[in-house]
Amino acid sequence: MMNSVCVYCGSSSGAAEHYFQAARATGEAIAARGWDLVYGGARVGLMGVVADTVLARGGRVVGVIPRALVEKEVAHQGLTVQHVVESMHDRKALMGELAAGFLALPGGFGTLDELFEMLTWSQLGFHAKPIGLLNTAGYFDGLLSFCDRAVADGFVRAAHRAMIHTGADPDTLLEQMAGSR
């Protein structure tokens, strides 16, 4: 049963309002299900928006943040639980343990790193948790095209490409992910 989701997303808010709105809608959808949010533990960017939204709706939020980012004063101070770890690798490993599924919202290289690590772990059989991409305003269209090309050119198996659930509505996407377990 899915009772938590790890959200990967930008530590910045992006250049358009629809990214902020998607982050807020994601937080609302998580809280409405009564799921725990597991995320990178920061108060900034889309990360902070998702966390603040879940908290405002009475949800439980678990942050996992490297000590170096705490020292840069980006850690969220109002979380249900905040784990401070030593490295980014430790962060990804703990978030992977704590979550029943993974959802990427728009973000940069860090978001992609976290997403692809979870995809690789699933491909290798290290977990069988659902993975989703919230494709806000077509943000991930190029990435999805790349994934399709990797299948067509024989570098990724179609079954592994199919592990990526996609959608533009967080509520529908989370429902799809929960049904795939």
N, C-alpha and C. Protein backbone atom coordinates (compact mmCIF):
# COMPACT_ATOMS: atom_id res chain seq x y z
N MET A 1 0.84 -1.19 0.00
CA MET A 1 0.00 0.00 0.00
C MET A 1 0.88 1.25 0.00
N MET A 2 0.51 2.20 -0.80
CA MET A 2 1.29 3.43 -0.89
C MET A 2 0.81 4.38 0.22
N ASN A 3 1.73 4.76 1.09
CA ASN A 3 1.39 5.67 2.18
C ASN A 3 2.36 6.84 2.28
N SER A 4 3.30 6.90 1.35
CA SER A 4 4.25 8.00 1.32
C SER A 4 4.78 8.15 -0.10
N VAL A 5 5.23 9.36 -0.38
CA VAL A 5 5.84 9.60 -1.69
C VAL A 5 7.00 10.56 -1.50
N CYS A 6 8.09 10.25 -2.17
CA CYS A 6 9.25 11.13 -2.19
C CYS A 6 9.11 12.03 -3.40
N VAL A 7 9.16 13.34 -3.16
CA VAL A 7 9.05 14.30 -4.25
C VAL A 7 10.42 14.93 -4.48
N TYR A 8 10.86 14.86 -5.74
CA TYR A 8 12.07 15.53 -6.19
C TYR A 8 11.63 16.74 -7.01
N CYS A 9 12.20 17.90 -6.72
CA CYS A 9 11.85 19.09 -7.49
C CYS A 9 12.88 20.19 -7.23
N GLY A 10 12.67 21.30 -7.90
CA GLY A 10 13.64 22.38 -7.88
C GLY A 10 13.80 23.06 -6.53
N SER A 11 15.03 23.45 -6.25
CA SER A 11 15.31 24.30 -5.09
C SER A 11 15.11 25.76 -5.48
N SER A 12 14.73 25.99 -6.72
CA SER A 12 14.26 27.30 -7.15
C SER A 12 12.81 27.12 -7.61
N SER A 13 12.13 28.23 -7.82
CA SER A 13 10.70 28.16 -8.15
C SER A 13 10.42 28.15 -9.64
N GLY A 14 11.44 28.28 -10.45
CA GLY A 14 11.23 28.31 -11.89
C GLY A 14 10.81 29.70 -12.35
N ALA A 15 10.69 29.85 -13.65
CA ALA A 15 10.45 31.16 -14.25
C ALA A 15 8.97 31.44 -14.52
N ALA A 16 8.09 30.51 -14.21
CA ALA A 16 6.67 30.70 -14.52
C ALA A 16 5.79 30.27 -13.35
N GLU A 17 4.68 30.93 -13.20
CA GLU A 17 3.73 30.68 -12.12
C GLU A 17 3.18 29.25 -12.13
N HIS A 18 3.06 28.64 -13.32
CA HIS A 18 2.46 27.30 -13.37
C HIS A 18 3.32 26.27 -12.62
N TYR A 19 4.60 26.49 -12.47
CA TYR A 19 5.42 25.56 -11.69
C TYR A 19 5.07 25.65 -10.21
N PHE A 20 4.90 26.85 -9.71
CA PHE A 20 4.47 27.06 -8.34
C PHE A 20 3.10 26.41 -8.11
N GLN A 21 2.18 26.63 -9.03
CA GLN A 21 0.83 26.07 -8.90
C GLN A 21 0.86 24.54 -8.91
N ALA A 22 1.71 23.96 -9.75
CA ALA A 22 1.82 22.50 -9.81
C ALA A 22 2.39 21.95 -8.50
N ALA A 23 3.36 22.65 -7.93
CA ALA A 23 3.94 22.21 -6.66
C ALA A 23 2.89 22.26 -5.55
N ARG A 24 2.11 23.33 -5.53
CA ARG A 24 1.06 23.45 -4.53
C ARG A 24 -0.01 22.37 -4.73
N ALA A 25 -0.41 22.13 -5.97
CA ALA A 25 -1.41 21.09 -6.25
C ALA A 25 -0.88 19.71 -5.86
N THR A 26 0.41 19.49 -6.04
CA THR A 26 1.01 18.21 -5.63
C THR A 26 0.92 18.06 -4.12
N GLY A 27 1.28 19.10 -3.37
CA GLY A 27 1.16 19.05 -1.92
C GLY A 27 -0.26 18.79 -1.46
N GLU A 28 -1.22 19.44 -2.12
CA GLU A 28 -2.63 19.23 -1.78
C GLU A 28 -3.05 17.78 -2.03
N ALA A 29 -2.62 17.22 -3.16
CA ALA A 29 -2.99 15.84 -3.51
C ALA A 29 -2.37 14.84 -2.53
N ILE A 30 -1.15 15.09 -2.11
CA ILE A 30 -0.49 14.21 -1.14
C ILE A 30 -1.22 14.27 0.20
N ALA A 31 -1.49 15.47 0.67
CA ALA A 31 -2.18 15.64 1.95
C ALA A 31 -3.59 15.05 1.92
N ALA A 32 -4.29 15.23 0.80
CA ALA A 32 -5.65 14.70 0.69
C ALA A 32 -5.69 13.18 0.81
N ARG A 33 -4.61 12.51 0.40
CA ARG A 33 -4.53 11.05 0.51
C ARG A 33 -4.08 10.60 1.90
N GLY A 34 -3.61 11.53 2.69
CA GLY A 34 -3.09 11.17 4.01
C GLY A 34 -1.71 10.54 3.94
N TRP A 35 -1.01 10.76 2.83
CA TRP A 35 0.33 10.20 2.66
C TRP A 35 1.35 11.12 3.32
N ASP A 36 2.47 10.53 3.71
CA ASP A 36 3.62 11.30 4.15
C ASP A 36 4.36 11.83 2.92
N LEU A 37 4.87 13.04 3.04
CA LEU A 37 5.78 13.59 2.04
C LEU A 37 7.19 13.37 2.54
N VAL A 38 8.02 12.76 1.70
CA VAL A 38 9.46 12.64 1.93
C VAL A 38 10.10 13.53 0.87
N TYR A 39 11.03 14.38 1.28
CA TYR A 39 11.65 15.27 0.29
C TYR A 39 12.99 15.75 0.83
N GLY A 40 13.65 16.63 0.09
CA GLY A 40 15.00 17.06 0.39
C GLY A 40 15.22 17.99 1.55
N GLY A 41 14.18 18.34 2.29
CA GLY A 41 14.34 19.05 3.55
C GLY A 41 14.57 20.54 3.50
N ALA A 42 14.50 21.15 2.31
CA ALA A 42 14.77 22.59 2.21
C ALA A 42 13.49 23.41 2.29
N ARG A 43 13.66 24.68 2.61
CA ARG A 43 12.54 25.61 2.70
C ARG A 43 12.38 26.42 1.42
N VAL A 44 13.27 26.26 0.46
CA VAL A 44 13.33 27.12 -0.72
C VAL A 44 12.72 26.45 -1.94
N GLY A 45 12.37 27.26 -2.94
CA GLY A 45 11.94 26.78 -4.24
C GLY A 45 10.68 25.94 -4.20
N LEU A 46 10.52 25.13 -5.23
CA LEU A 46 9.36 24.25 -5.31
C LEU A 46 9.35 23.27 -4.15
N MET A 47 10.54 22.90 -3.67
CA MET A 47 10.63 21.99 -2.51
C MET A 47 9.86 22.57 -1.33
N GLY A 48 10.12 23.84 -1.04
CA GLY A 48 9.45 24.50 0.07
C GLY A 48 7.95 24.62 -0.14
N VAL A 49 7.54 24.87 -1.37
CA VAL A 49 6.11 25.00 -1.68
C VAL A 49 5.37 23.69 -1.40
N VAL A 50 5.92 22.57 -1.89
CA VAL A 50 5.27 21.28 -1.65
C VAL A 50 5.19 21.00 -0.15
N ALA A 51 6.30 21.18 0.55
CA ALA A 51 6.34 20.89 1.99
C ALA A 51 5.37 21.79 2.75
N ASP A 52 5.39 23.09 2.48
CA ASP A 52 4.50 24.02 3.18
C ASP A 52 3.04 23.69 2.93
N THR A 53 2.71 23.26 1.72
CA THR A 53 1.33 22.93 1.39
C THR A 53 0.87 21.69 2.16
N VAL A 54 1.70 20.66 2.20
CA VAL A 54 1.35 19.45 2.96
C VAL A 54 1.18 19.80 4.43
N LEU A 55 2.10 20.55 4.98
CA LEU A 55 2.03 20.95 6.40
C LEU A 55 0.78 21.77 6.68
N ALA A 56 0.44 22.71 5.80
CA ALA A 56 -0.73 23.57 6.00
C ALA A 56 -2.02 22.78 6.00
N ARG A 57 -2.01 21.61 5.38
CA ARG A 57 -3.19 20.76 5.33
C ARG A 57 -3.13 19.63 6.36
N GLY A 58 -2.24 19.78 7.32
CA GLY A 58 -2.17 18.83 8.43
C GLY A 58 -1.41 17.56 8.15
N GLY A 59 -0.67 17.53 7.05
CA GLY A 59 0.07 16.34 6.68
C GLY A 59 1.41 16.22 7.37
N ARG A 60 1.99 15.05 7.23
CA ARG A 60 3.30 14.73 7.82
C ARG A 60 4.37 14.91 6.76
N VAL A 61 5.44 15.65 7.10
CA VAL A 61 6.52 15.93 6.15
C VAL A 61 7.85 15.52 6.76
N VAL A 62 8.55 14.67 6.02
CA VAL A 62 9.85 14.16 6.44
C VAL A 62 10.91 14.70 5.49
N GLY A 63 11.83 15.49 6.03
CA GLY A 63 12.91 16.04 5.23
C GLY A 63 14.19 15.24 5.44
N VAL A 64 15.01 15.20 4.40
CA VAL A 64 16.33 14.57 4.47
C VAL A 64 17.29 15.54 3.81
N ILE A 65 18.19 16.11 4.60
CA ILE A 65 19.04 17.18 4.09
C ILE A 65 20.49 16.97 4.52
N PRO A 66 21.43 17.17 3.62
CA PRO A 66 22.84 17.08 3.99
C PRO A 66 23.24 18.23 4.93
N ARG A 67 24.14 17.92 5.84
CA ARG A 67 24.62 18.90 6.82
C ARG A 67 25.11 20.19 6.14
N ALA A 68 25.77 20.08 5.00
CA ALA A 68 26.29 21.25 4.31
C ALA A 68 25.18 22.22 3.92
N LEU A 69 24.00 21.71 3.59
CA LEU A 69 22.88 22.59 3.25
C LEU A 69 22.23 23.18 4.49
N VAL A 70 22.29 22.47 5.60
CA VAL A 70 21.82 23.03 6.86
C VAL A 70 22.69 24.23 7.21
N GLU A 71 23.99 24.07 7.03
CA GLU A 71 24.94 25.15 7.33
C GLU A 71 24.76 26.35 6.41
N LYS A 72 24.20 26.14 5.21
CA LYS A 72 23.91 27.25 4.29
C LYS A 72 22.54 27.88 4.61
N GLU A 73 21.90 27.40 5.65
CA GLU A 73 20.64 27.93 6.15
C GLU A 73 19.48 27.79 5.18
N VAL A 74 19.42 26.68 4.46
CA VAL A 74 18.28 26.43 3.58
C VAL A 74 17.34 25.37 4.15
N ALA A 75 17.68 24.80 5.31
CA ALA A 75 16.84 23.75 5.90
C ALA A 75 15.51 24.32 6.37
N HIS A 76 14.45 23.58 6.14
CA HIS A 76 13.11 23.94 6.61
C HIS A 76 13.06 23.67 8.11
N GLN A 77 12.60 24.63 8.88
CA GLN A 77 12.58 24.50 10.33
C GLN A 77 11.26 23.97 10.89
N GLY A 78 10.23 23.82 10.06
CA GLY A 78 8.92 23.45 10.58
C GLY A 78 8.43 22.07 10.21
N LEU A 79 9.32 21.16 9.89
CA LEU A 79 8.92 19.83 9.43
C LEU A 79 8.54 18.91 10.58
N THR A 80 7.78 17.88 10.26
CA THR A 80 7.44 16.86 11.23
C THR A 80 8.70 16.16 11.72
N VAL A 81 9.55 15.77 10.76
CA VAL A 81 10.84 15.13 11.04
C VAL A 81 11.85 15.69 10.05
N GLN A 82 13.05 16.02 10.54
CA GLN A 82 14.13 16.45 9.66
C GLN A 82 15.35 15.59 9.96
N HIS A 83 15.76 14.77 8.99
CA HIS A 83 16.97 13.95 9.11
C HIS A 83 18.13 14.74 8.51
N VAL A 84 19.21 14.90 9.25
CA VAL A 84 20.41 15.55 8.74
C VAL A 84 21.42 14.44 8.47
N VAL A 85 21.89 14.37 7.23
CA VAL A 85 22.82 13.33 6.80
C VAL A 85 24.12 13.98 6.35
N GLU A 86 25.12 13.17 6.11
CA GLU A 86 26.44 13.70 5.78
C GLU A 86 26.65 14.01 4.31
N SER A 87 25.96 13.31 3.41
CA SER A 87 26.26 13.49 1.99
C SER A 87 24.99 13.40 1.15
N MET A 88 25.12 13.80 -0.11
CA MET A 88 24.01 13.66 -1.05
C MET A 88 23.68 12.19 -1.27
N HIS A 89 24.70 11.34 -1.29
CA HIS A 89 24.44 9.91 -1.45
C HIS A 89 23.61 9.40 -0.27
N ASP A 90 23.99 9.79 0.94
CA ASP A 90 23.22 9.38 2.12
C ASP A 90 21.78 9.89 2.03
N ARG A 91 21.61 11.09 1.51
CA ARG A 91 20.28 11.67 1.36
C ARG A 91 19.42 10.81 0.44
N LYS A 92 19.96 10.48 -0.74
CA LYS A 92 19.20 9.69 -1.70
C LYS A 92 18.88 8.30 -1.15
N ALA A 93 19.83 7.70 -0.46
CA ALA A 93 19.61 6.36 0.09
C ALA A 93 18.51 6.39 1.15
N LEU A 94 18.53 7.36 2.04
CA LEU A 94 17.51 7.43 3.09
C LEU A 94 16.14 7.77 2.51
N MET A 95 16.08 8.70 1.58
CA MET A 95 14.79 9.01 0.95
C MET A 95 14.24 7.77 0.24
N GLY A 96 15.12 6.99 -0.37
CA GLY A 96 14.69 5.77 -1.03
C GLY A 96 14.11 4.75 -0.07
N GLU A 97 14.68 4.68 1.12
CA GLU A 97 14.16 3.77 2.15
C GLU A 97 12.82 4.23 2.70
N LEU A 98 12.67 5.53 2.90
CA LEU A 98 11.51 6.08 3.60
C LEU A 98 10.25 6.16 2.73
N ALA A 99 10.40 6.20 1.42
CA ALA A 99 9.26 6.44 0.54
C ALA A 99 8.74 5.16 -0.11
N ALA A 100 7.43 5.17 -0.38
CA ALA A 100 6.80 4.05 -1.07
C ALA A 100 6.71 4.30 -2.58
N GLY A 101 7.09 5.49 -3.03
CA GLY A 101 7.09 5.84 -4.44
C GLY A 101 7.84 7.15 -4.62
N PHE A 102 8.11 7.50 -5.88
CA PHE A 102 8.93 8.67 -6.19
C PHE A 102 8.26 9.49 -7.29
N LEU A 103 8.24 10.79 -7.09
CA LEU A 103 7.61 11.70 -8.05
C LEU A 103 8.54 12.87 -8.31
N ALA A 104 8.85 13.11 -9.58
CA ALA A 104 9.68 14.25 -9.95
C ALA A 104 8.81 15.34 -10.54
N LEU A 105 8.98 16.54 -10.01
CA LEU A 105 8.38 17.75 -10.55
C LEU A 105 9.48 18.49 -11.30
N PRO A 106 9.16 19.55 -12.00
CA PRO A 106 10.21 20.30 -12.67
C PRO A 106 11.34 20.69 -11.71
N GLY A 107 12.54 20.63 -12.21
CA GLY A 107 13.72 20.97 -11.44
C GLY A 107 14.94 20.92 -12.34
N GLY A 108 16.09 20.99 -11.74
CA GLY A 108 17.34 21.02 -12.48
C GLY A 108 18.11 19.72 -12.40
N PHE A 109 19.42 19.83 -12.41
CA PHE A 109 20.28 18.65 -12.44
C PHE A 109 20.10 17.75 -11.21
N GLY A 110 19.92 18.35 -10.04
CA GLY A 110 19.73 17.55 -8.83
C GLY A 110 18.47 16.70 -8.91
N THR A 111 17.40 17.29 -9.43
CA THR A 111 16.15 16.56 -9.60
C THR A 111 16.34 15.39 -10.55
N LEU A 112 17.02 15.65 -11.65
CA LEU A 112 17.26 14.58 -12.63
C LEU A 112 18.16 13.49 -12.06
N ASP A 113 19.17 13.89 -11.29
CA ASP A 113 20.05 12.92 -10.65
C ASP A 113 19.25 11.98 -9.76
N GLU A 114 18.40 12.56 -8.92
CA GLU A 114 17.61 11.75 -7.99
C GLU A 114 16.64 10.85 -8.75
N LEU A 115 15.97 11.40 -9.75
CA LEU A 115 15.04 10.61 -10.56
C LEU A 115 15.74 9.43 -11.22
N PHE A 116 16.86 9.69 -11.88
CA PHE A 116 17.52 8.62 -12.61
C PHE A 116 18.16 7.59 -11.69
N GLU A 117 18.57 8.00 -10.50
CA GLU A 117 19.08 7.00 -9.56
C GLU A 117 17.96 6.03 -9.17
N MET A 118 16.77 6.56 -8.89
CA MET A 118 15.66 5.68 -8.52
C MET A 118 15.24 4.80 -9.69
N LEU A 119 15.26 5.35 -10.91
CA LEU A 119 14.96 4.54 -12.10
C LEU A 119 15.98 3.42 -12.25
N THR A 120 17.24 3.74 -12.06
CA THR A 120 18.30 2.73 -12.18
C THR A 120 18.14 1.67 -11.11
N TRP A 121 17.86 2.07 -9.88
CA TRP A 121 17.67 1.09 -8.80
C TRP A 121 16.50 0.18 -9.13
N SER A 122 15.43 0.72 -9.69
CA SER A 122 14.28 -0.10 -10.06
C SER A 122 14.65 -1.05 -11.20
N GLN A 123 15.35 -0.53 -12.20
CA GLN A 123 15.79 -1.34 -13.34
C GLN A 123 16.63 -2.53 -12.87
N LEU A 124 17.45 -2.30 -11.85
CA LEU A 124 18.33 -3.35 -11.33
C LEU A 124 17.65 -4.26 -10.31
N GLY A 125 16.39 -3.94 -10.00
CA GLY A 125 15.65 -4.77 -9.07
C GLY A 125 15.90 -4.45 -7.60
N PHE A 126 16.49 -3.30 -7.30
CA PHE A 126 16.74 -2.91 -5.91
C PHE A 126 15.47 -2.45 -5.21
N HIS A 127 14.48 -2.03 -5.98
CA HIS A 127 13.16 -1.71 -5.45
C HIS A 127 12.13 -1.89 -6.56
N ALA A 128 10.87 -1.95 -6.16
CA ALA A 128 9.77 -2.07 -7.13
C ALA A 128 8.72 -1.00 -6.84
N LYS A 129 9.19 0.18 -6.50
CA LYS A 129 8.31 1.29 -6.14
C LYS A 129 7.98 2.11 -7.38
N PRO A 130 6.76 2.65 -7.46
CA PRO A 130 6.38 3.43 -8.65
C PRO A 130 7.15 4.75 -8.74
N ILE A 131 7.36 5.17 -9.99
CA ILE A 131 8.10 6.40 -10.28
C ILE A 131 7.28 7.22 -11.26
N GLY A 132 7.10 8.50 -10.94
CA GLY A 132 6.31 9.37 -11.79
C GLY A 132 7.01 10.66 -12.14
N LEU A 133 6.60 11.24 -13.26
CA LEU A 133 7.07 12.54 -13.72
C LEU A 133 5.84 13.44 -13.88
N LEU A 134 5.78 14.53 -13.14
CA LEU A 134 4.72 15.50 -13.33
C LEU A 134 5.14 16.43 -14.45
N ASN A 135 4.56 16.25 -15.60
CA ASN A 135 4.98 16.94 -16.81
C ASN A 135 4.24 18.28 -16.96
N THR A 136 4.51 19.19 -16.06
CA THR A 136 3.89 20.51 -16.04
C THR A 136 4.26 21.30 -17.28
N ALA A 137 3.25 21.72 -18.02
CA ALA A 137 3.45 22.56 -19.22
C ALA A 137 4.47 21.94 -20.19
N GLY A 138 4.51 20.61 -20.24
CA GLY A 138 5.42 19.93 -21.16
C GLY A 138 6.88 20.01 -20.77
N TYR A 139 7.16 20.34 -19.50
CA TYR A 139 8.54 20.52 -19.05
C TYR A 139 9.43 19.32 -19.38
N PHE A 140 8.90 18.12 -19.22
CA PHE A 140 9.70 16.91 -19.42
C PHE A 140 9.54 16.30 -20.82
N ASP A 141 8.90 16.99 -21.75
CA ASP A 141 8.70 16.42 -23.09
C ASP A 141 10.02 16.00 -23.74
N GLY A 142 11.03 16.84 -23.66
CA GLY A 142 12.33 16.50 -24.26
C GLY A 142 12.96 15.29 -23.60
N LEU A 143 12.86 15.20 -22.29
CA LEU A 143 13.40 14.06 -21.56
C LEU A 143 12.67 12.77 -21.94
N LEU A 144 11.36 12.85 -22.05
CA LEU A 144 10.59 11.67 -22.44
C LEU A 144 10.90 11.24 -23.87
N SER A 145 11.13 12.21 -24.74
CA SER A 145 11.56 11.89 -26.11
C SER A 145 12.92 11.21 -26.11
N PHE A 146 13.82 11.70 -25.27
CA PHE A 146 15.13 11.06 -25.12
C PHE A 146 14.96 9.61 -24.67
N CYS A 147 14.10 9.38 -23.69
CA CYS A 147 13.88 8.01 -23.19
C CYS A 147 13.34 7.12 -24.30
N ASP A 148 12.42 7.65 -25.11
CA ASP A 148 11.88 6.88 -26.24
C ASP A 148 12.98 6.59 -27.26
N ARG A 149 13.85 7.54 -27.50
CA ARG A 149 14.96 7.33 -28.42
C ARG A 149 15.91 6.27 -27.88
N ALA A 150 16.16 6.29 -26.57
CA ALA A 150 17.03 5.28 -25.97
C ALA A 150 16.46 3.88 -26.15
N VAL A 151 15.14 3.76 -26.09
CA VAL A 151 14.49 2.47 -26.37
C VAL A 151 14.66 2.10 -27.83
N ALA A 152 14.34 3.04 -28.73
CA ALA A 152 14.42 2.78 -30.17
C ALA A 152 15.82 2.40 -30.61
N ASP A 153 16.84 3.00 -29.96
CA ASP A 153 18.22 2.72 -30.33
C ASP A 153 18.83 1.56 -29.55
N GLY A 154 18.03 0.89 -28.73
CA GLY A 154 18.49 -0.32 -28.06
C GLY A 154 19.29 -0.13 -26.78
N PHE A 155 19.23 1.03 -26.17
CA PHE A 155 19.97 1.27 -24.94
C PHE A 155 19.12 1.09 -23.68
N VAL A 156 17.82 1.16 -23.83
CA VAL A 156 16.89 0.99 -22.71
C VAL A 156 15.81 0.02 -23.17
N ARG A 157 15.45 -0.91 -22.32
CA ARG A 157 14.36 -1.84 -22.64
C ARG A 157 13.01 -1.14 -22.51
N ALA A 158 12.08 -1.51 -23.35
CA ALA A 158 10.75 -0.90 -23.32
C ALA A 158 10.10 -1.07 -21.94
N ALA A 159 10.32 -2.21 -21.31
CA ALA A 159 9.75 -2.45 -19.98
C ALA A 159 10.31 -1.48 -18.95
N HIS A 160 11.56 -1.09 -19.11
CA HIS A 160 12.16 -0.13 -18.18
C HIS A 160 11.65 1.29 -18.48
N ARG A 161 11.46 1.62 -19.73
CA ARG A 161 10.88 2.92 -20.08
C ARG A 161 9.46 3.01 -19.51
N ALA A 162 8.75 1.90 -19.51
CA ALA A 162 7.37 1.88 -19.02
C ALA A 162 7.28 2.08 -17.51
N MET A 163 8.40 2.03 -16.81
CA MET A 163 8.39 2.27 -15.36
C MET A 163 8.07 3.72 -15.03
N ILE A 164 8.20 4.62 -16.00
CA ILE A 164 7.99 6.04 -15.76
C ILE A 164 6.52 6.38 -16.03
N HIS A 165 5.78 6.64 -14.96
CA HIS A 165 4.40 7.13 -15.09
C HIS A 165 4.47 8.62 -15.35
N THR A 166 3.65 9.11 -16.28
CA THR A 166 3.67 10.53 -16.58
C THR A 166 2.26 11.09 -16.60
N GLY A 167 2.18 12.37 -16.31
CA GLY A 167 0.91 13.08 -16.38
C GLY A 167 1.11 14.52 -16.00
N ALA A 168 0.12 15.34 -16.32
CA ALA A 168 0.20 16.77 -16.02
C ALA A 168 -0.61 17.15 -14.79
N ASP A 169 -1.45 16.24 -14.31
CA ASP A 169 -2.28 16.50 -13.13
C ASP A 169 -1.76 15.66 -11.97
N PRO A 170 -1.33 16.29 -10.88
CA PRO A 170 -0.75 15.51 -9.78
C PRO A 170 -1.71 14.51 -9.15
N ASP A 171 -2.97 14.86 -9.03
CA ASP A 171 -3.93 13.96 -8.42
C ASP A 171 -4.08 12.68 -9.24
N THR A 172 -4.25 12.83 -10.53
CA THR A 172 -4.38 11.68 -11.44
C THR A 172 -3.10 10.86 -11.46
N LEU A 173 -1.96 11.53 -11.50
CA LEU A 173 -0.68 10.84 -11.55
C LEU A 173 -0.43 10.03 -10.28
N LEU A 174 -0.71 10.62 -9.11
CA LEU A 174 -0.53 9.88 -7.86
C LEU A 174 -1.47 8.68 -7.79
N GLU A 175 -2.67 8.83 -8.31
CA GLU A 175 -3.62 7.71 -8.36
C GLU A 175 -3.09 6.60 -9.25
N GLN A 176 -2.53 6.97 -10.39
CA GLN A 176 -1.93 6.01 -11.31
C GLN A 176 -0.77 5.28 -10.64
N MET A 177 0.07 6.03 -9.95
CA MET A 177 1.21 5.42 -9.26
C MET A 177 0.75 4.46 -8.17
N ALA A 178 -0.25 4.85 -7.41
CA ALA A 178 -0.75 4.00 -6.32
C ALA A 178 -1.34 2.71 -6.88
N GLY A 179 -1.96 2.78 -8.04
CA GLY A 179 -2.56 1.60 -8.64
C GLY A 179 -1.56 0.65 -9.29
N SER A 180 -0.32 1.10 -9.43
CA SER A 180 0.67 0.27 -10.13
C SER A 180 1.46 -0.62 -9.19
N ARG A 181 1.25 -0.48 -7.91
CA ARG A 181 2.02 -1.25 -6.93
C ARG A 181 1.58 -2.69 -6.90
